[in-house]
Amino acid sequence: MAVVGAKGGVGASTIAHNLGWAVARDFQMDAVVTDLDLAFGTAGLDFNQDPPQGVVDAVMSPERIDTAFIDRLLSKCRRST
């Protein structure tokens, strides 16, 4: 699934984050939310995460992309009880 906003502030990130969370919860599966807004992405803020590397690192250094790099790029969010 993809959620795209035509301009900033239309709520696309909020919809995408809630959609990812709902899919993971309802289907009891892992979900990946990728925020491709390199300059102003809000996924880290919405999920209270501070990933050590961002998508911009992958874009700027495509030769470094391997399984370990992707693992470092992803942040795991756990359901709070």
PDB file of N, CA and C in Angstrom:
ATOM      1  N   MET A   1       0.844  -1.156   0.000  1.00  0.00           N
ATOM      2  CA  MET A   1       0.000   0.000   0.000  1.00  0.00           C
ATOM      3  C   MET A   1       0.895   1.226   0.000  1.00  0.00           C
ATOM      4  N   ALA A   2       0.414   2.258  -0.614  1.00  0.00           N
ATOM      5  CA  ALA A   2       1.135   3.526  -0.620  1.00  0.00           C
ATOM      6  C   ALA A   2       0.164   4.646  -0.305  1.00  0.00           C
ATOM      7  N   VAL A   3       0.635   5.600   0.457  1.00  0.00           N
ATOM      8  CA  VAL A   3      -0.144   6.790   0.772  1.00  0.00           C
ATOM      9  C   VAL A   3       0.696   7.976   0.328  1.00  0.00           C
ATOM     10  N   VAL A   4       0.114   8.826  -0.504  1.00  0.00           N
ATOM     11  CA  VAL A   4       0.849   9.962  -1.060  1.00  0.00           C
ATOM     12  C   VAL A   4       0.045  11.230  -0.821  1.00  0.00           C
ATOM     13  N   GLY A   5       0.733  12.278  -0.378  1.00  0.00           N
ATOM     14  CA  GLY A   5       0.102  13.586  -0.219  1.00  0.00           C
ATOM     15  C   GLY A   5       0.635  14.526  -1.278  1.00  0.00           C
ATOM     16  N   ALA A   6      -0.228  15.332  -1.861  1.00  0.00           N
ATOM     17  CA  ALA A   6       0.172  16.250  -2.931  1.00  0.00           C
ATOM     18  C   ALA A   6       1.008  17.408  -2.412  1.00  0.00           C
ATOM     19  N   LYS A   7       0.820  17.773  -1.158  1.00  0.00           N
ATOM     20  CA  LYS A   7       1.617  18.839  -0.553  1.00  0.00           C
ATOM     21  C   LYS A   7       1.695  18.578   0.937  1.00  0.00           C
ATOM     22  N   GLY A   8       2.575  19.262   1.602  1.00  0.00           N
ATOM     23  CA  GLY A   8       2.737  19.068   3.033  1.00  0.00           C
ATOM     24  C   GLY A   8       1.515  19.481   3.822  1.00  0.00           C
ATOM     25  N   GLY A   9       1.254  18.762   4.912  1.00  0.00           N
ATOM     26  CA  GLY A   9       0.171  19.140   5.799  1.00  0.00           C
ATOM     27  C   GLY A   9      -1.194  18.584   5.460  1.00  0.00           C
ATOM     28  N   VAL A  10      -1.264  17.645   4.504  1.00  0.00           N
ATOM     29  CA  VAL A  10      -2.574  17.099   4.130  1.00  0.00           C
ATOM     30  C   VAL A  10      -2.935  15.845   4.916  1.00  0.00           C
ATOM     31  N   GLY A  11      -2.028  15.342   5.753  1.00  0.00           N
ATOM     32  CA  GLY A  11      -2.337  14.198   6.610  1.00  0.00           C
ATOM     33  C   GLY A  11      -1.911  12.844   6.066  1.00  0.00           C
ATOM     34  N   ALA A  12      -1.149  12.811   4.977  1.00  0.00           N
ATOM     35  CA  ALA A  12      -0.737  11.529   4.394  1.00  0.00           C
ATOM     36  C   ALA A  12       0.109  10.708   5.367  1.00  0.00           C
ATOM     37  N   SER A  13       1.007  11.346   6.089  1.00  0.00           N
ATOM     38  CA  SER A  13       1.843  10.611   7.045  1.00  0.00           C
ATOM     39  C   SER A  13       1.005  10.019   8.162  1.00  0.00           C
ATOM     40  N   THR A  14       0.074  10.780   8.677  1.00  0.00           N
ATOM     41  CA  THR A  14      -0.793  10.285   9.747  1.00  0.00           C
ATOM     42  C   THR A  14      -1.598   9.081   9.281  1.00  0.00           C
ATOM     43  N   ILE A  15      -2.148   9.167   8.082  1.00  0.00           N
ATOM     44  CA  ILE A  15      -2.920   8.051   7.531  1.00  0.00           C
ATOM     45  C   ILE A  15      -2.018   6.836   7.329  1.00  0.00           C
ATOM     46  N   ALA A  16      -0.831   7.039   6.767  1.00  0.00           N
ATOM     47  CA  ALA A  16       0.090   5.923   6.518  1.00  0.00           C
ATOM     48  C   ALA A  16       0.512   5.253   7.816  1.00  0.00           C
ATOM     49  N   HIS A  17       0.827   6.039   8.835  1.00  0.00           N
ATOM     50  CA  HIS A  17       1.273   5.478  10.112  1.00  0.00           C
ATOM     51  C   HIS A  17       0.144   4.702  10.786  1.00  0.00           C
ATOM     52  N   ASN A  18      -1.041   5.257  10.778  1.00  0.00           N
ATOM     53  CA  ASN A  18      -2.183   4.558  11.384  1.00  0.00           C
ATOM     54  C   ASN A  18      -2.585   3.326  10.589  1.00  0.00           C
ATOM     55  N   LEU A  19      -2.467   3.382   9.276  1.00  0.00           N
ATOM     56  CA  LEU A  19      -2.762   2.229   8.438  1.00  0.00           C
ATOM     57  C   LEU A  19      -1.776   1.094   8.718  1.00  0.00           C
ATOM     58  N   GLY A  20      -0.488   1.423   8.810  1.00  0.00           N
ATOM     59  CA  GLY A  20       0.519   0.408   9.137  1.00  0.00           C
ATOM     60  C   GLY A  20       0.273  -0.216  10.494  1.00  0.00           C
ATOM     61  N   TRP A  21      -0.055   0.618  11.471  1.00  0.00           N
ATOM     62  CA  TRP A  21      -0.331   0.117  12.814  1.00  0.00           C
ATOM     63  C   TRP A  21      -1.561  -0.789  12.820  1.00  0.00           C
ATOM     64  N   ALA A  22      -2.623  -0.381  12.112  1.00  0.00           N
ATOM     65  CA  ALA A  22      -3.855  -1.167  12.074  1.00  0.00           C
ATOM     66  C   ALA A  22      -3.652  -2.505  11.376  1.00  0.00           C
ATOM     67  N   VAL A  23      -2.895  -2.514  10.287  1.00  0.00           N
ATOM     68  CA  VAL A  23      -2.607  -3.774   9.583  1.00  0.00           C
ATOM     69  C   VAL A  23      -1.844  -4.719  10.500  1.00  0.00           C
ATOM     70  N   ALA A  24      -0.827  -4.203  11.177  1.00  0.00           N
ATOM     71  CA  ALA A  24      -0.038  -5.048  12.078  1.00  0.00           C
ATOM     72  C   ALA A  24      -0.906  -5.592  13.211  1.00  0.00           C
ATOM     73  N   ARG A  25      -1.762  -4.753  13.756  1.00  0.00           N
ATOM     74  CA  ARG A  25      -2.615  -5.184  14.869  1.00  0.00           C
ATOM     75  C   ARG A  25      -3.687  -6.165  14.426  1.00  0.00           C
ATOM     76  N   ASP A  26      -4.413  -5.832  13.369  1.00  0.00           N
ATOM     77  CA  ASP A  26      -5.548  -6.652  12.950  1.00  0.00           C
ATOM     78  C   ASP A  26      -5.139  -8.001  12.384  1.00  0.00           C
ATOM     79  N   PHE A  27      -4.030  -8.032  11.652  1.00  0.00           N
ATOM     80  CA  PHE A  27      -3.577  -9.283  11.044  1.00  0.00           C
ATOM     81  C   PHE A  27      -2.496  -9.964  11.875  1.00  0.00           C
ATOM     82  N   GLN A  28      -2.108  -9.337  12.987  1.00  0.00           N
ATOM     83  CA  GLN A  28      -1.053  -9.848  13.862  1.00  0.00           C
ATOM     84  C   GLN A  28       0.184 -10.237  13.064  1.00  0.00           C
ATOM     85  N   MET A  29       0.605  -9.290  12.220  1.00  0.00           N
ATOM     86  CA  MET A  29       1.781  -9.468  11.366  1.00  0.00           C
ATOM     87  C   MET A  29       2.673  -8.244  11.513  1.00  0.00           C
ATOM     88  N   ASP A  30       3.927  -8.403  11.111  1.00  0.00           N
ATOM     89  CA  ASP A  30       4.820  -7.258  11.069  1.00  0.00           C
ATOM     90  C   ASP A  30       4.435  -6.366   9.902  1.00  0.00           C
ATOM     91  N   ALA A  31       4.617  -5.080  10.072  1.00  0.00           N
ATOM     92  CA  ALA A  31       4.369  -4.112   9.005  1.00  0.00           C
ATOM     93  C   ALA A  31       5.560  -3.171   8.939  1.00  0.00           C
ATOM     94  N   VAL A  32       5.878  -2.718   7.757  1.00  0.00           N
ATOM     95  CA  VAL A  32       6.967  -1.766   7.570  1.00  0.00           C
ATOM     96  C   VAL A  32       6.370  -0.466   7.051  1.00  0.00           C
ATOM     97  N   VAL A  33       6.647   0.617   7.752  1.00  0.00           N
ATOM     98  CA  VAL A  33       6.247   1.951   7.313  1.00  0.00           C
ATOM     99  C   VAL A  33       7.520   2.644   6.855  1.00  0.00           C
ATOM    100  N   THR A  34       7.554   3.036   5.598  1.00  0.00           N
ATOM    101  CA  THR A  34       8.723   3.712   5.039  1.00  0.00           C
ATOM    102  C   THR A  34       8.338   5.145   4.719  1.00  0.00           C
ATOM    103  N   ASP A  35       8.996   6.081   5.369  1.00  0.00           N
ATOM    104  CA  ASP A  35       8.727   7.501   5.144  1.00  0.00           C
ATOM    105  C   ASP A  35       9.784   8.021   4.177  1.00  0.00           C
ATOM    106  N   LEU A  36       9.385   8.273   2.945  1.00  0.00           N
ATOM    107  CA  LEU A  36      10.334   8.706   1.914  1.00  0.00           C
ATOM    108  C   LEU A  36      10.444  10.221   1.817  1.00  0.00           C
ATOM    109  N   ASP A  37       9.843  10.940   2.745  1.00  0.00           N
ATOM    110  CA  ASP A  37      10.032  12.386   2.801  1.00  0.00           C
ATOM    111  C   ASP A  37      11.380  12.618   3.485  1.00  0.00           C
ATOM    112  N   LEU A  38      12.429  12.715   2.670  1.00  0.00           N
ATOM    113  CA  LEU A  38      13.786  12.742   3.205  1.00  0.00           C
ATOM    114  C   LEU A  38      14.050  13.941   4.102  1.00  0.00           C
ATOM    115  N   ALA A  39      13.463  15.067   3.785  1.00  0.00           N
ATOM    116  CA  ALA A  39      13.758  16.274   4.562  1.00  0.00           C
ATOM    117  C   ALA A  39      12.869  16.432   5.794  1.00  0.00           C
ATOM    118  N   PHE A  40      11.597  16.071   5.681  1.00  0.00           N
ATOM    119  CA  PHE A  40      10.661  16.371   6.761  1.00  0.00           C
ATOM    120  C   PHE A  40       9.838  15.170   7.193  1.00  0.00           C
ATOM    121  N   GLY A  41      10.334  13.964   7.043  1.00  0.00           N
ATOM    122  CA  GLY A  41       9.579  12.776   7.424  1.00  0.00           C
ATOM    123  C   GLY A  41       9.248  12.770   8.907  1.00  0.00           C
ATOM    124  N   THR A  42       8.084  12.242   9.253  1.00  0.00           N
ATOM    125  CA  THR A  42       7.625  12.268  10.642  1.00  0.00           C
ATOM    126  C   THR A  42       7.450  10.889  11.252  1.00  0.00           C
ATOM    127  N   ALA A  43       7.832   9.833  10.560  1.00  0.00           N
ATOM    128  CA  ALA A  43       7.639   8.489  11.101  1.00  0.00           C
ATOM    129  C   ALA A  43       8.371   8.318  12.429  1.00  0.00           C
ATOM    130  N   GLY A  44       9.587   8.796  12.516  1.00  0.00           N
ATOM    131  CA  GLY A  44      10.334   8.686  13.768  1.00  0.00           C
ATOM    132  C   GLY A  44       9.643   9.390  14.924  1.00  0.00           C
ATOM    133  N   LEU A  45       9.075  10.554  14.654  1.00  0.00           N
ATOM    134  CA  LEU A  45       8.358  11.293  15.694  1.00  0.00           C
ATOM    135  C   LEU A  45       7.076  10.583  16.099  1.00  0.00           C
ATOM    136  N   ASP A  46       6.305  10.133  15.116  1.00  0.00           N
ATOM    137  CA  ASP A  46       5.017   9.507  15.412  1.00  0.00           C
ATOM    138  C   ASP A  46       5.155   8.208  16.187  1.00  0.00           C
ATOM    139  N   PHE A  47       6.231   7.466  15.946  1.00  0.00           N
ATOM    140  CA  PHE A  47       6.430   6.190  16.637  1.00  0.00           C
ATOM    141  C   PHE A  47       7.455   6.296  17.758  1.00  0.00           C
ATOM    142  N   ASN A  48       7.835   7.539  18.100  1.00  0.00           N
ATOM    143  CA  ASN A  48       8.784   7.784  19.187  1.00  0.00           C
ATOM    144  C   ASN A  48      10.069   6.974  19.001  1.00  0.00           C
ATOM    145  N   GLN A  49      10.622   7.051  17.789  1.00  0.00           N
ATOM    146  CA  GLN A  49      11.830   6.323  17.444  1.00  0.00           C
ATOM    147  C   GLN A  49      12.909   7.302  17.002  1.00  0.00           C
ATOM    148  N   ASP A  50      14.149   6.935  17.220  1.00  0.00           N
ATOM    149  CA  ASP A  50      15.284   7.727  16.746  1.00  0.00           C
ATOM    150  C   ASP A  50      16.250   6.767  16.062  1.00  0.00           C
ATOM    151  N   PRO A  51      15.944   6.394  14.798  1.00  0.00           N
ATOM    152  CA  PRO A  51      16.795   5.417  14.122  1.00  0.00           C
ATOM    153  C   PRO A  51      18.197   5.966  13.918  1.00  0.00           C
ATOM    154  N   PRO A  52      19.215   5.097  14.016  1.00  0.00           N
ATOM    155  CA  PRO A  52      20.600   5.552  13.857  1.00  0.00           C
ATOM    156  C   PRO A  52      20.923   6.012  12.440  1.00  0.00           C
ATOM    157  N   GLN A  53      20.192   5.516  11.459  1.00  0.00           N
ATOM    158  CA  GLN A  53      20.408   5.895  10.072  1.00  0.00           C
ATOM    159  C   GLN A  53      19.057   6.128   9.427  1.00  0.00           C
ATOM    160  N   GLY A  54      19.041   6.931   8.382  1.00  0.00           N
ATOM    161  CA  GLY A  54      17.795   7.215   7.713  1.00  0.00           C
ATOM    162  C   GLY A  54      17.839   6.815   6.257  1.00  0.00           C
ATOM    163  N   VAL A  55      16.713   6.969   5.591  1.00  0.00           N
ATOM    164  CA  VAL A  55      16.604   6.625   4.178  1.00  0.00           C
ATOM    165  C   VAL A  55      17.584   7.456   3.356  1.00  0.00           C
ATOM    166  N   VAL A  56      17.833   8.687   3.788  1.00  0.00           N
ATOM    167  CA  VAL A  56      18.765   9.549   3.049  1.00  0.00           C
ATOM    168  C   VAL A  56      20.156   8.919   2.995  1.00  0.00           C
ATOM    169  N   ASP A  57      20.561   8.191   4.046  1.00  0.00           N
ATOM    170  CA  ASP A  57      21.855   7.504   4.032  1.00  0.00           C
ATOM    171  C   ASP A  57      21.899   6.453   2.931  1.00  0.00           C
ATOM    172  N   ALA A  58      20.803   5.749   2.725  1.00  0.00           N
ATOM    173  CA  ALA A  58      20.745   4.734   1.670  1.00  0.00           C
ATOM    174  C   ALA A  58      20.761   5.376   0.292  1.00  0.00           C
ATOM    175  N   VAL A  59      20.065   6.496   0.154  1.00  0.00           N
ATOM    176  CA  VAL A  59      20.020   7.182  -1.141  1.00  0.00           C
ATOM    177  C   VAL A  59      21.390   7.741  -1.509  1.00  0.00           C
ATOM    178  N   MET A  60      22.087   8.284  -0.516  1.00  0.00           N
ATOM    179  CA  MET A  60      23.382   8.909  -0.781  1.00  0.00           C
ATOM    180  C   MET A  60      24.511   7.893  -0.944  1.00  0.00           C
ATOM    181  N   SER A  61      24.344   6.673  -0.459  1.00  0.00           N
ATOM    182  CA  SER A  61      25.390   5.653  -0.539  1.00  0.00           C
ATOM    183  C   SER A  61      24.812   4.311  -0.979  1.00  0.00           C
ATOM    184  N   PRO A  62      24.292   4.211  -2.199  1.00  0.00           N
ATOM    185  CA  PRO A  62      23.650   2.953  -2.622  1.00  0.00           C
ATOM    186  C   PRO A  62      24.600   1.754  -2.638  1.00  0.00           C
ATOM    187  N   GLU A  63      25.885   1.992  -2.737  1.00  0.00           N
ATOM    188  CA  GLU A  63      26.840   0.875  -2.750  1.00  0.00           C
ATOM    189  C   GLU A  63      26.958   0.198  -1.392  1.00  0.00           C
ATOM    190  N   ARG A  64      26.514   0.865  -0.328  1.00  0.00           N
ATOM    191  CA  ARG A  64      26.589   0.316   1.029  1.00  0.00           C
ATOM    192  C   ARG A  64      25.386  -0.547   1.392  1.00  0.00           C
ATOM    193  N   ILE A  65      24.367  -0.568   0.563  1.00  0.00           N
ATOM    194  CA  ILE A  65      23.137  -1.269   0.925  1.00  0.00           C
ATOM    195  C   ILE A  65      23.354  -2.779   0.890  1.00  0.00           C
ATOM    196  N   ASP A  66      23.159  -3.399   2.020  1.00  0.00           N
ATOM    197  CA  ASP A  66      23.188  -4.851   2.153  1.00  0.00           C
ATOM    198  C   ASP A  66      22.222  -5.209   3.285  1.00  0.00           C
ATOM    199  N   THR A  67      22.145  -6.456   3.632  1.00  0.00           N
ATOM    200  CA  THR A  67      21.190  -6.899   4.649  1.00  0.00           C
ATOM    201  C   THR A  67      21.439  -6.218   5.988  1.00  0.00           C
ATOM    202  N   ALA A  68      22.696  -6.111   6.392  1.00  0.00           N
ATOM    203  CA  ALA A  68      23.018  -5.477   7.671  1.00  0.00           C
ATOM    204  C   ALA A  68      22.627  -3.999   7.670  1.00  0.00           C
ATOM    205  N   PHE A  69      22.846  -3.322   6.541  1.00  0.00           N
ATOM    206  CA  PHE A  69      22.484  -1.908   6.436  1.00  0.00           C
ATOM    207  C   PHE A  69      20.974  -1.732   6.575  1.00  0.00           C
ATOM    208  N   ILE A  70      20.215  -2.585   5.907  1.00  0.00           N
ATOM    209  CA  ILE A  70      18.753  -2.511   5.988  1.00  0.00           C
ATOM    210  C   ILE A  70      18.287  -2.786   7.416  1.00  0.00           C
ATOM    211  N   ASP A  71      18.894  -3.753   8.102  1.00  0.00           N
ATOM    212  CA  ASP A  71      18.531  -4.028   9.497  1.00  0.00           C
ATOM    213  C   ASP A  71      18.766  -2.818  10.386  1.00  0.00           C
ATOM    214  N   ARG A  72      19.860  -2.089  10.159  1.00  0.00           N
ATOM    215  CA  ARG A  72      20.137  -0.893  10.939  1.00  0.00           C
ATOM    216  C   ARG A  72      19.172   0.241  10.589  1.00  0.00           C
ATOM    217  N   LEU A  73      18.704   0.259   9.360  1.00  0.00           N
ATOM    218  CA  LEU A  73      17.793   1.302   8.892  1.00  0.00           C
ATOM    219  C   LEU A  73      16.411   1.163   9.523  1.00  0.00           C
ATOM    220  N   LEU A  74      15.990  -0.065   9.787  1.00  0.00           N
ATOM    221  CA  LEU A  74      14.661  -0.317  10.351  1.00  0.00           C
ATOM    222  C   LEU A  74      14.669  -0.134  11.864  1.00  0.00           C
ATOM    223  N   SER A  75      13.604   0.437  12.380  1.00  0.00           N
ATOM    224  CA  SER A  75      13.398   0.550  13.822  1.00  0.00           C
ATOM    225  C   SER A  75      12.224  -0.331  14.177  1.00  0.00           C
ATOM    226  N   LYS A  76      12.358  -1.077  15.241  1.00  0.00           N
ATOM    227  CA  LYS A  76      11.273  -1.953  15.663  1.00  0.00           C
ATOM    228  C   LYS A  76      10.428  -1.244  16.708  1.00  0.00           C
ATOM    229  N   CYS A  77       9.139  -1.261  16.491  1.00  0.00           N
ATOM    230  CA  CYS A  77       8.176  -0.705  17.454  1.00  0.00           C
ATOM    231  C   CYS A  77       7.420  -1.869  18.057  1.00  0.00           C
ATOM    232  N   ARG A  78       7.263  -1.843  19.340  1.00  0.00           N
ATOM    233  CA  ARG A  78       6.517  -2.884  20.028  1.00  0.00           C
ATOM    234  C   ARG A  78       5.206  -2.316  20.542  1.00  0.00           C
ATOM    235  N   ARG A  79       4.217  -3.162  20.548  1.00  0.00           N
ATOM    236  CA  ARG A  79       2.910  -2.761  21.061  1.00  0.00           C
ATOM    237  C   ARG A  79       3.017  -2.577  22.560  1.00  0.00           C
ATOM    238  N   SER A  80       2.534  -1.464  23.043  1.00  0.00           N
ATOM    239  CA  SER A  80       2.523  -1.249  24.492  1.00  0.00           C
ATOM    240  C   SER A  80       1.256  -1.857  25.083  1.00  0.00           C
ATOM    241  N   THR A  81       1.377  -2.389  26.256  1.00  0.00           N
ATOM    242  CA  THR A  81       0.210  -3.028  26.900  1.00  0.00           C
ATOM    243  C   THR A  81      -0.289  -2.211  28.048  1.00  0.00           C
TER     244      THR A  81
END
